[in-house]
């Protein structure tokens, strides 16, 4: 029984073992599935990191786009808080130097 040999697309200028596109379907599908799985896993991790009060702002299931939007909102809020805290520290350091 002969099994088809699947090869990856060669670089430019190199000859392919088999010119048919069928040769590339399986590896491409597997690569795409792994890529989608990685993306989905990262989105699931982001969802787990979101504070509960942000998760409750939506009704029911959190779509991937919503998870990304809420994550951006949260990161921007944290960045703003960090900036405020840094400014307070600088102001306190100046007060200490004056005293």
PDB file of N, CA and C in Angstrom:
ATOM      1  N   UNK A   1       0.850  -1.173   0.000  1.00  0.00           N
ATOM      2  CA  UNK A   1       0.000   0.000   0.000  1.00  0.00           C
ATOM      3  C   UNK A   1       0.895   1.235   0.000  1.00  0.00           C
ATOM      4  N   UNK A   2       0.703   2.133  -0.946  1.00  0.00           N
ATOM      5  CA  UNK A   2       1.513   3.341  -1.044  1.00  0.00           C
ATOM      6  C   UNK A   2       0.838   4.488  -0.327  1.00  0.00           C
ATOM      7  N   UNK A   3       1.586   5.165   0.508  1.00  0.00           N
ATOM      8  CA  UNK A   3       1.085   6.339   1.204  1.00  0.00           C
ATOM      9  C   UNK A   3       1.659   7.577   0.527  1.00  0.00           C
ATOM     10  N   UNK A   4       0.855   8.616   0.391  1.00  0.00           N
ATOM     11  CA  UNK A   4       1.390   9.829  -0.232  1.00  0.00           C
ATOM     12  C   UNK A   4       2.436  10.481   0.669  1.00  0.00           C
ATOM     13  N   UNK A   5       3.421  11.067   0.063  1.00  0.00           N
ATOM     14  CA  UNK A   5       4.459  11.768   0.803  1.00  0.00           C
ATOM     15  C   UNK A   5       4.107  13.244   0.812  1.00  0.00           C
ATOM     16  N   UNK A   6       4.032  13.821   2.015  1.00  0.00           N
ATOM     17  CA  UNK A   6       3.707  15.230   2.138  1.00  0.00           C
ATOM     18  C   UNK A   6       4.996  16.002   2.384  1.00  0.00           C
ATOM     19  N   UNK A   7       5.235  16.976   1.564  1.00  0.00           N
ATOM     20  CA  UNK A   7       6.429  17.805   1.725  1.00  0.00           C
ATOM     21  C   UNK A   7       6.011  19.253   1.860  1.00  0.00           C
ATOM     22  N   UNK A   8       6.858  20.022   2.532  1.00  0.00           N
ATOM     23  CA  UNK A   8       6.581  21.445   2.677  1.00  0.00           C
ATOM     24  C   UNK A   8       6.979  22.174   1.410  1.00  0.00           C
ATOM     25  N   UNK A   9       6.371  23.320   1.205  1.00  0.00           N
ATOM     26  CA  UNK A   9       6.648  24.121   0.026  1.00  0.00           C
ATOM     27  C   UNK A   9       8.121  24.551   0.049  1.00  0.00           C
ATOM     28  N   UNK A  10       8.848  24.274  -1.013  1.00  0.00           N
ATOM     29  CA  UNK A  10      10.261  24.635  -1.034  1.00  0.00           C
ATOM     30  C   UNK A  10      10.460  26.130  -1.235  1.00  0.00           C
ATOM     31  N   UNK A  11      11.655  26.580  -0.971  1.00  0.00           N
ATOM     32  CA  UNK A  11      11.983  27.980  -1.190  1.00  0.00           C
ATOM     33  C   UNK A  11      12.013  28.279  -2.678  1.00  0.00           C
ATOM     34  N   UNK A  12      11.984  29.557  -2.984  1.00  0.00           N
ATOM     35  CA  UNK A  12      12.027  29.978  -4.385  1.00  0.00           C
ATOM     36  C   UNK A  12      13.255  29.422  -5.077  1.00  0.00           C
ATOM     37  N   UNK A  13      13.057  29.063  -6.317  1.00  0.00           N
ATOM     38  CA  UNK A  13      14.170  28.595  -7.112  1.00  0.00           C
ATOM     39  C   UNK A  13      14.436  27.112  -6.971  1.00  0.00           C
ATOM     40  N   UNK A  14      13.829  26.468  -5.980  1.00  0.00           N
ATOM     41  CA  UNK A  14      14.031  25.034  -5.802  1.00  0.00           C
ATOM     42  C   UNK A  14      12.893  24.286  -6.478  1.00  0.00           C
ATOM     43  N   UNK A  15      13.185  23.122  -6.994  1.00  0.00           N
ATOM     44  CA  UNK A  15      12.164  22.306  -7.648  1.00  0.00           C
ATOM     45  C   UNK A  15      11.400  21.525  -6.593  1.00  0.00           C
ATOM     46  N   UNK A  16      10.110  21.385  -6.823  1.00  0.00           N
ATOM     47  CA  UNK A  16       9.276  20.601  -5.917  1.00  0.00           C
ATOM     48  C   UNK A  16       9.371  19.129  -6.280  1.00  0.00           C
ATOM     49  N   UNK A  17       9.172  18.288  -5.255  1.00  0.00           N
ATOM     50  CA  UNK A  17       9.171  16.856  -5.499  1.00  0.00           C
ATOM     51  C   UNK A  17       7.949  16.493  -6.332  1.00  0.00           C
ATOM     52  N   UNK A  18       6.804  17.050  -5.967  1.00  0.00           N
ATOM     53  CA  UNK A  18       5.558  16.779  -6.679  1.00  0.00           C
ATOM     54  C   UNK A  18       4.882  18.123  -6.944  1.00  0.00           C
ATOM     55  N   UNK A  19       4.485  18.371  -8.143  1.00  0.00           N
ATOM     56  CA  UNK A  19       3.924  19.659  -8.527  1.00  0.00           C
ATOM     57  C   UNK A  19       2.461  19.837  -8.104  1.00  0.00           C
ATOM     58  N   UNK A  20       1.789  18.774  -7.668  1.00  0.00           N
ATOM     59  CA  UNK A  20       0.366  18.889  -7.332  1.00  0.00           C
ATOM     60  C   UNK A  20       0.171  19.636  -6.020  1.00  0.00           C
ATOM     61  N   UNK A  21      -0.918  20.401  -5.937  1.00  0.00           N
ATOM     62  CA  UNK A  21      -1.219  21.152  -4.722  1.00  0.00           C
ATOM     63  C   UNK A  21      -1.714  20.247  -3.609  1.00  0.00           C
ATOM     64  N   UNK A  22      -2.170  19.077  -3.934  1.00  0.00           N
ATOM     65  CA  UNK A  22      -2.646  18.130  -2.925  1.00  0.00           C
ATOM     66  C   UNK A  22      -1.531  17.809  -1.931  1.00  0.00           C
ATOM     67  N   UNK A  23      -0.311  17.857  -2.386  1.00  0.00           N
ATOM     68  CA  UNK A  23       0.826  17.531  -1.538  1.00  0.00           C
ATOM     69  C   UNK A  23       0.917  18.462  -0.339  1.00  0.00           C
ATOM     70  N   UNK A  24       0.462  19.700  -0.500  1.00  0.00           N
ATOM     71  CA  UNK A  24       0.647  20.704   0.533  1.00  0.00           C
ATOM     72  C   UNK A  24      -0.551  20.882   1.450  1.00  0.00           C
ATOM     73  N   UNK A  25      -1.661  20.271   1.155  1.00  0.00           N
ATOM     74  CA  UNK A  25      -2.879  20.509   1.931  1.00  0.00           C
ATOM     75  C   UNK A  25      -2.752  20.076   3.378  1.00  0.00           C
ATOM     76  N   UNK A  26      -2.286  18.871   3.631  1.00  0.00           N
ATOM     77  CA  UNK A  26      -2.229  18.373   5.005  1.00  0.00           C
ATOM     78  C   UNK A  26      -1.300  19.201   5.883  1.00  0.00           C
ATOM     79  N   UNK A  27      -0.055  19.444   5.485  1.00  0.00           N
ATOM     80  CA  UNK A  27       0.796  20.252   6.363  1.00  0.00           C
ATOM     81  C   UNK A  27       0.230  21.654   6.581  1.00  0.00           C
ATOM     82  N   UNK A  28      -0.329  22.251   5.543  1.00  0.00           N
ATOM     83  CA  UNK A  28      -0.894  23.591   5.690  1.00  0.00           C
ATOM     84  C   UNK A  28      -2.045  23.576   6.686  1.00  0.00           C
ATOM     85  N   UNK A  29      -2.907  22.581   6.585  1.00  0.00           N
ATOM     86  CA  UNK A  29      -4.033  22.471   7.526  1.00  0.00           C
ATOM     87  C   UNK A  29      -3.533  22.308   8.958  1.00  0.00           C
ATOM     88  N   UNK A  30      -2.511  21.472   9.132  1.00  0.00           N
ATOM     89  CA  UNK A  30      -1.973  21.244  10.474  1.00  0.00           C
ATOM     90  C   UNK A  30      -1.323  22.513  11.022  1.00  0.00           C
ATOM     91  N   UNK A  31      -0.589  23.202  10.185  1.00  0.00           N
ATOM     92  CA  UNK A  31       0.058  24.438  10.613  1.00  0.00           C
ATOM     93  C   UNK A  31      -0.998  25.469  11.001  1.00  0.00           C
ATOM     94  N   UNK A  32      -2.022  25.616  10.194  1.00  0.00           N
ATOM     95  CA  UNK A  32      -3.093  26.571  10.485  1.00  0.00           C
ATOM     96  C   UNK A  32      -3.841  26.197  11.757  1.00  0.00           C
ATOM     97  N   UNK A  33      -4.085  24.893  11.951  1.00  0.00           N
ATOM     98  CA  UNK A  33      -4.785  24.449  13.160  1.00  0.00           C
ATOM     99  C   UNK A  33      -3.948  24.768  14.399  1.00  0.00           C
ATOM    100  N   UNK A  34      -2.651  24.518  14.334  1.00  0.00           N
ATOM    101  CA  UNK A  34      -1.778  24.828  15.469  1.00  0.00           C
ATOM    102  C   UNK A  34      -1.770  26.332  15.744  1.00  0.00           C
ATOM    103  N   UNK A  35      -1.740  27.134  14.681  1.00  0.00           N
ATOM    104  CA  UNK A  35      -1.742  28.583  14.839  1.00  0.00           C
ATOM    105  C   UNK A  35      -3.041  29.048  15.503  1.00  0.00           C
ATOM    106  N   UNK A  36      -4.183  28.526  15.024  1.00  0.00           N
ATOM    107  CA  UNK A  36      -5.477  28.879  15.624  1.00  0.00           C
ATOM    108  C   UNK A  36      -5.553  28.420  17.070  1.00  0.00           C
ATOM    109  N   UNK A  37      -5.037  27.237  17.356  1.00  0.00           N
ATOM    110  CA  UNK A  37      -5.041  26.723  18.727  1.00  0.00           C
ATOM    111  C   UNK A  37      -4.217  27.619  19.650  1.00  0.00           C
ATOM    112  N   UNK A  38      -3.055  28.088  19.175  1.00  0.00           N
ATOM    113  CA  UNK A  38      -2.231  28.995  19.981  1.00  0.00           C
ATOM    114  C   UNK A  38      -2.959  30.301  20.245  1.00  0.00           C
ATOM    115  N   UNK A  39      -3.594  30.844  19.216  1.00  0.00           N
ATOM    116  CA  UNK A  39      -4.347  32.095  19.378  1.00  0.00           C
ATOM    117  C   UNK A  39      -5.479  31.904  20.383  1.00  0.00           C
ATOM    118  N   UNK A  40      -6.227  30.824  20.238  1.00  0.00           N
ATOM    119  CA  UNK A  40      -7.346  30.560  21.149  1.00  0.00           C
ATOM    120  C   UNK A  40      -6.868  30.364  22.586  1.00  0.00           C
ATOM    121  N   UNK A  41      -5.733  29.700  22.766  1.00  0.00           N
ATOM    122  CA  UNK A  41      -5.191  29.491  24.107  1.00  0.00           C
ATOM    123  C   UNK A  41      -4.784  30.823  24.734  1.00  0.00           C
ATOM    124  N   UNK A  42      -4.169  31.689  23.950  1.00  0.00           N
ATOM    125  CA  UNK A  42      -3.778  33.012  24.469  1.00  0.00           C
ATOM    126  C   UNK A  42      -5.000  33.840  24.848  1.00  0.00           C
ATOM    127  N   UNK A  43      -6.038  33.784  24.033  1.00  0.00           N
ATOM    128  CA  UNK A  43      -7.258  34.526  24.345  1.00  0.00           C
ATOM    129  C   UNK A  43      -7.904  33.982  25.613  1.00  0.00           C
ATOM    130  N   UNK A  44      -7.876  32.664  25.781  1.00  0.00           N
ATOM    131  CA  UNK A  44      -8.425  32.063  27.003  1.00  0.00           C
ATOM    132  C   UNK A  44      -7.630  32.518  28.232  1.00  0.00           C
ATOM    133  N   UNK A  45      -6.312  32.614  28.098  1.00  0.00           N
ATOM    134  CA  UNK A  45      -5.488  33.083  29.211  1.00  0.00           C
ATOM    135  C   UNK A  45      -5.777  34.544  29.528  1.00  0.00           C
ATOM    136  N   UNK A  46      -5.948  35.359  28.495  1.00  0.00           N
ATOM    137  CA  UNK A  46      -6.307  36.762  28.726  1.00  0.00           C
ATOM    138  C   UNK A  46      -7.642  36.871  29.444  1.00  0.00           C
ATOM    139  N   UNK A  47      -8.585  36.039  29.045  1.00  0.00           N
ATOM    140  CA  UNK A  47      -9.913  36.041  29.681  1.00  0.00           C
ATOM    141  C   UNK A  47      -9.791  35.711  31.164  1.00  0.00           C
ATOM    142  N   UNK A  48      -8.930  34.744  31.489  1.00  0.00           N
ATOM    143  CA  UNK A  48      -8.736  34.369  32.891  1.00  0.00           C
ATOM    144  C   UNK A  48      -8.087  35.486  33.702  1.00  0.00           C
ATOM    145  N   UNK A  49      -7.267  36.309  33.052  1.00  0.00           N
ATOM    146  CA  UNK A  49      -6.573  37.397  33.747  1.00  0.00           C
ATOM    147  C   UNK A  49      -7.442  38.625  33.968  1.00  0.00           C
ATOM    148  N   UNK A  50      -8.546  38.727  33.238  1.00  0.00           N
ATOM    149  CA  UNK A  50      -9.418  39.900  33.370  1.00  0.00           C
ATOM    150  C   UNK A  50     -10.081  39.923  34.745  1.00  0.00           C
ATOM    151  N   UNK A  51     -10.195  41.106  35.336  1.00  0.00           N
ATOM    152  CA  UNK A  51     -10.913  41.209  36.611  1.00  0.00           C
ATOM    153  C   UNK A  51     -12.387  40.861  36.422  1.00  0.00           C
ATOM    154  N   UNK A  52     -12.971  40.345  37.464  1.00  0.00           N
ATOM    155  CA  UNK A  52     -14.371  39.901  37.390  1.00  0.00           C
ATOM    156  C   UNK A  52     -15.332  41.027  37.017  1.00  0.00           C
ATOM    157  N   UNK A  53     -15.078  42.234  37.513  1.00  0.00           N
ATOM    158  CA  UNK A  53     -16.011  43.324  37.223  1.00  0.00           C
ATOM    159  C   UNK A  53     -16.059  43.641  35.723  1.00  0.00           C
ATOM    160  N   UNK A  54     -14.962  43.410  35.003  1.00  0.00           N
ATOM    161  CA  UNK A  54     -14.989  43.621  33.551  1.00  0.00           C
ATOM    162  C   UNK A  54     -15.731  42.498  32.840  1.00  0.00           C
ATOM    163  N   UNK A  55     -15.573  41.295  33.356  1.00  0.00           N
ATOM    164  CA  UNK A  55     -16.270  40.153  32.747  1.00  0.00           C
ATOM    165  C   UNK A  55     -17.784  40.289  32.898  1.00  0.00           C
ATOM    166  N   UNK A  56     -18.207  40.894  33.993  1.00  0.00           N
ATOM    167  CA  UNK A  56     -19.637  41.023  34.270  1.00  0.00           C
ATOM    168  C   UNK A  56     -20.298  42.128  33.448  1.00  0.00           C
ATOM    169  N   UNK A  57     -19.498  42.967  32.777  1.00  0.00           N
ATOM    170  CA  UNK A  57     -20.083  44.048  31.978  1.00  0.00           C
ATOM    171  C   UNK A  57     -20.741  43.527  30.708  1.00  0.00           C
ATOM    172  N   UNK A  58     -20.463  42.281  30.345  1.00  0.00           N
ATOM    173  CA  UNK A  58     -21.085  41.689  29.161  1.00  0.00           C
ATOM    174  C   UNK A  58     -22.078  40.619  29.603  1.00  0.00           C
ATOM    175  N   UNK A  59     -22.996  40.346  28.764  1.00  0.00           N
ATOM    176  CA  UNK A  59     -23.996  39.325  29.076  1.00  0.00           C
ATOM    177  C   UNK A  59     -23.577  37.991  28.490  1.00  0.00           C
ATOM    178  N   UNK A  60     -23.482  36.992  29.323  1.00  0.00           N
ATOM    179  CA  UNK A  60     -23.211  35.641  28.848  1.00  0.00           C
ATOM    180  C   UNK A  60     -21.781  35.425  28.383  1.00  0.00           C
ATOM    181  N   UNK A  61     -21.665  34.698  27.291  1.00  0.00           N
ATOM    182  CA  UNK A  61     -20.374  34.265  26.733  1.00  0.00           C
ATOM    183  C   UNK A  61     -19.544  35.447  26.245  1.00  0.00           C
ATOM    184  N   UNK A  62     -18.262  35.435  26.587  1.00  0.00           N
ATOM    185  CA  UNK A  62     -17.356  36.477  26.105  1.00  0.00           C
ATOM    186  C   UNK A  62     -16.754  36.048  24.770  1.00  0.00           C
ATOM    187  N   UNK A  63     -17.079  36.778  23.721  1.00  0.00           N
ATOM    188  CA  UNK A  63     -16.498  36.469  22.418  1.00  0.00           C
ATOM    189  C   UNK A  63     -15.027  36.861  22.428  1.00  0.00           C
ATOM    190  N   UNK A  64     -14.278  36.307  21.482  1.00  0.00           N
ATOM    191  CA  UNK A  64     -12.843  36.589  21.419  1.00  0.00           C
ATOM    192  C   UNK A  64     -12.580  38.079  21.252  1.00  0.00           C
ATOM    193  N   UNK A  65     -13.327  38.716  20.381  1.00  0.00           N
ATOM    194  CA  UNK A  65     -13.132  40.151  20.145  1.00  0.00           C
ATOM    195  C   UNK A  65     -13.410  40.947  21.416  1.00  0.00           C
ATOM    196  N   UNK A  66     -14.417  40.542  22.161  1.00  0.00           N
ATOM    197  CA  UNK A  66     -14.757  41.234  23.411  1.00  0.00           C
ATOM    198  C   UNK A  66     -13.643  41.043  24.434  1.00  0.00           C
ATOM    199  N   UNK A  67     -13.095  39.838  24.506  1.00  0.00           N
ATOM    200  CA  UNK A  67     -11.980  39.584  25.429  1.00  0.00           C
ATOM    201  C   UNK A  67     -10.810  40.499  25.085  1.00  0.00           C
ATOM    202  N   UNK A  68     -10.503  40.627  23.801  1.00  0.00           N
ATOM    203  CA  UNK A  68      -9.401  41.500  23.390  1.00  0.00           C
ATOM    204  C   UNK A  68      -9.700  42.960  23.711  1.00  0.00           C
ATOM    205  N   UNK A  69     -10.928  43.401  23.472  1.00  0.00           N
ATOM    206  CA  UNK A  69     -11.306  44.785  23.769  1.00  0.00           C
ATOM    207  C   UNK A  69     -11.223  45.078  25.269  1.00  0.00           C
ATOM    208  N   UNK A  70     -11.737  44.156  26.074  1.00  0.00           N
ATOM    209  CA  UNK A  70     -11.687  44.345  27.529  1.00  0.00           C
ATOM    210  C   UNK A  70     -10.249  44.329  28.049  1.00  0.00           C
ATOM    211  N   UNK A  71      -9.417  43.492  27.443  1.00  0.00           N
ATOM    212  CA  UNK A  71      -8.009  43.436  27.836  1.00  0.00           C
ATOM    213  C   UNK A  71      -7.324  44.759  27.528  1.00  0.00           C
ATOM    214  N   UNK A  72      -7.580  45.304  26.351  1.00  0.00           N
ATOM    215  CA  UNK A  72      -7.009  46.606  25.999  1.00  0.00           C
ATOM    216  C   UNK A  72      -7.471  47.688  26.969  1.00  0.00           C
ATOM    217  N   UNK A  73      -8.757  47.680  27.282  1.00  0.00           N
ATOM    218  CA  UNK A  73      -9.308  48.662  28.213  1.00  0.00           C
ATOM    219  C   UNK A  73      -8.618  48.554  29.569  1.00  0.00           C
ATOM    220  N   UNK A  74      -8.434  47.338  30.044  1.00  0.00           N
ATOM    221  CA  UNK A  74      -7.822  47.099  31.348  1.00  0.00           C
ATOM    222  C   UNK A  74      -6.347  47.505  31.347  1.00  0.00           C
ATOM    223  N   UNK A  75      -5.615  47.162  30.295  1.00  0.00           N
ATOM    224  CA  UNK A  75      -4.193  47.509  30.216  1.00  0.00           C
ATOM    225  C   UNK A  75      -4.028  49.028  30.169  1.00  0.00           C
ATOM    226  N   UNK A  76      -4.891  49.710  29.413  1.00  0.00           N
ATOM    227  CA  UNK A  76      -4.835  51.176  29.365  1.00  0.00           C
ATOM    228  C   UNK A  76      -5.124  51.789  30.736  1.00  0.00           C
ATOM    229  N   UNK A  77      -6.094  51.222  31.443  1.00  0.00           N
ATOM    230  CA  UNK A  77      -6.416  51.712  32.791  1.00  0.00           C
ATOM    231  C   UNK A  77      -5.228  51.496  33.731  1.00  0.00           C
ATOM    232  N   UNK A  78      -4.599  50.340  33.658  1.00  0.00           N
ATOM    233  CA  UNK A  78      -3.435  50.062  34.500  1.00  0.00           C
ATOM    234  C   UNK A  78      -2.269  50.987  34.152  1.00  0.00           C
ATOM    235  N   UNK A  79      -2.103  51.266  32.880  1.00  0.00           N
ATOM    236  CA  UNK A  79      -1.036  52.191  32.460  1.00  0.00           C
ATOM    237  C   UNK A  79      -1.285  53.585  33.014  1.00  0.00           C
ATOM    238  N   UNK A  80      -2.531  54.015  33.009  1.00  0.00           N
ATOM    239  CA  UNK A  80      -2.881  55.316  33.580  1.00  0.00           C
ATOM    240  C   UNK A  80      -2.606  55.372  35.066  1.00  0.00           C
ATOM    241  N   UNK A  81      -2.972  54.303  35.785  1.00  0.00           N
ATOM    242  CA  UNK A  81      -2.696  54.242  37.224  1.00  0.00           C
ATOM    243  C   UNK A  81      -1.193  54.272  37.504  1.00  0.00           C
ATOM    244  N   UNK A  82      -0.437  53.552  36.698  1.00  0.00           N
ATOM    245  CA  UNK A  82       1.008  53.527  36.862  1.00  0.00           C
ATOM    246  C   UNK A  82       1.595  54.922  36.665  1.00  0.00           C
ATOM    247  N   UNK A  83       1.135  55.623  35.659  1.00  0.00           N
ATOM    248  CA  UNK A  83       1.601  56.990  35.405  1.00  0.00           C
ATOM    249  C   UNK A  83       1.285  57.906  36.589  1.00  0.00           C
ATOM    250  N   UNK A  84       0.073  57.792  37.136  1.00  0.00           N
ATOM    251  CA  UNK A  84      -0.308  58.601  38.301  1.00  0.00           C
ATOM    252  C   UNK A  84       0.582  58.300  39.500  1.00  0.00           C
ATOM    253  N   UNK A  85       0.836  57.017  39.743  1.00  0.00           N
ATOM    254  CA  UNK A  85       1.674  56.619  40.876  1.00  0.00           C
ATOM    255  C   UNK A  85       3.101  57.132  40.707  1.00  0.00           C
ATOM    256  N   UNK A  86       3.611  57.080  39.492  1.00  0.00           N
ATOM    257  CA  UNK A  86       4.956  57.584  39.247  1.00  0.00           C
ATOM    258  C   UNK A  86       5.031  59.086  39.487  1.00  0.00           C
ATOM    259  N   UNK A  87       3.995  59.809  39.085  1.00  0.00           N
ATOM    260  CA  UNK A  87       3.964  61.258  39.320  1.00  0.00           C
ATOM    261  C   UNK A  87       3.894  61.569  40.818  1.00  0.00           C
ATOM    262  N   UNK A  88       3.121  60.791  41.565  1.00  0.00           N
ATOM    263  CA  UNK A  88       3.049  60.982  43.016  1.00  0.00           C
ATOM    264  C   UNK A  88       4.402  60.731  43.669  1.00  0.00           C
ATOM    265  N   UNK A  89       5.097  59.698  43.221  1.00  0.00           N
ATOM    266  CA  UNK A  89       6.412  59.380  43.782  1.00  0.00           C
ATOM    267  C   UNK A  89       7.386  60.529  43.515  1.00  0.00           C
ATOM    268  N   UNK A  90       7.363  61.046  42.298  1.00  0.00           N
ATOM    269  CA  UNK A  90       8.244  62.168  41.950  1.00  0.00           C
ATOM    270  C   UNK A  90       7.924  63.382  42.822  1.00  0.00           C
ATOM    271  N   UNK A  91       6.632  63.666  43.015  1.00  0.00           N
ATOM    272  CA  UNK A  91       6.226  64.805  43.847  1.00  0.00           C
ATOM    273  C   UNK A  91       6.680  64.608  45.288  1.00  0.00           C
ATOM    274  N   UNK A  92       6.542  63.398  45.823  1.00  0.00           N
ATOM    275  CA  UNK A  92       6.980  63.121  47.200  1.00  0.00           C
ATOM    276  C   UNK A  92       8.493  63.242  47.335  1.00  0.00           C
ATOM    277  N   UNK A  93       9.217  62.791  46.324  1.00  0.00           N
ATOM    278  CA  UNK A  93      10.672  62.905  46.365  1.00  0.00           C
ATOM    279  C   UNK A  93      11.100  64.367  46.358  1.00  0.00           C
ATOM    280  N   UNK A  94      10.409  65.194  45.601  1.00  0.00           N
ATOM    281  CA  UNK A  94      10.707  66.629  45.567  1.00  0.00           C
ATOM    282  C   UNK A  94      10.408  67.258  46.925  1.00  0.00           C
ATOM    283  N   UNK A  95       9.292  66.856  47.540  1.00  0.00           N
ATOM    284  CA  UNK A  95       8.943  67.372  48.866  1.00  0.00           C
ATOM    285  C   UNK A  95       9.996  67.001  49.894  1.00  0.00           C
ATOM    286  N   UNK A  96      10.528  65.784  49.802  1.00  0.00           N
ATOM    287  CA  UNK A  96      11.563  65.340  50.741  1.00  0.00           C
ATOM    288  C   UNK A  96      12.842  66.137  50.549  1.00  0.00           C
ATOM    289  N   UNK A  97      13.171  66.463  49.328  1.00  0.00           N
ATOM    290  CA  UNK A  97      14.388  67.211  49.051  1.00  0.00           C
ATOM    291  C   UNK A  97      14.270  68.664  49.548  1.00  0.00           C
ATOM    292  N   UNK A  98      13.069  69.226  49.477  1.00  0.00           N
ATOM    293  CA  UNK A  98      12.826  70.594  49.922  1.00  0.00           C
ATOM    294  C   UNK A  98      12.909  70.678  51.442  1.00  0.00           C
ATOM    295  N   UNK A  99      12.394  69.666  52.116  1.00  0.00           N
ATOM    296  CA  UNK A  99      12.342  69.674  53.593  1.00  0.00           C
ATOM    297  C   UNK A  99      13.675  69.522  54.246  1.00  0.00           C
TER     298      UNK A  99
END
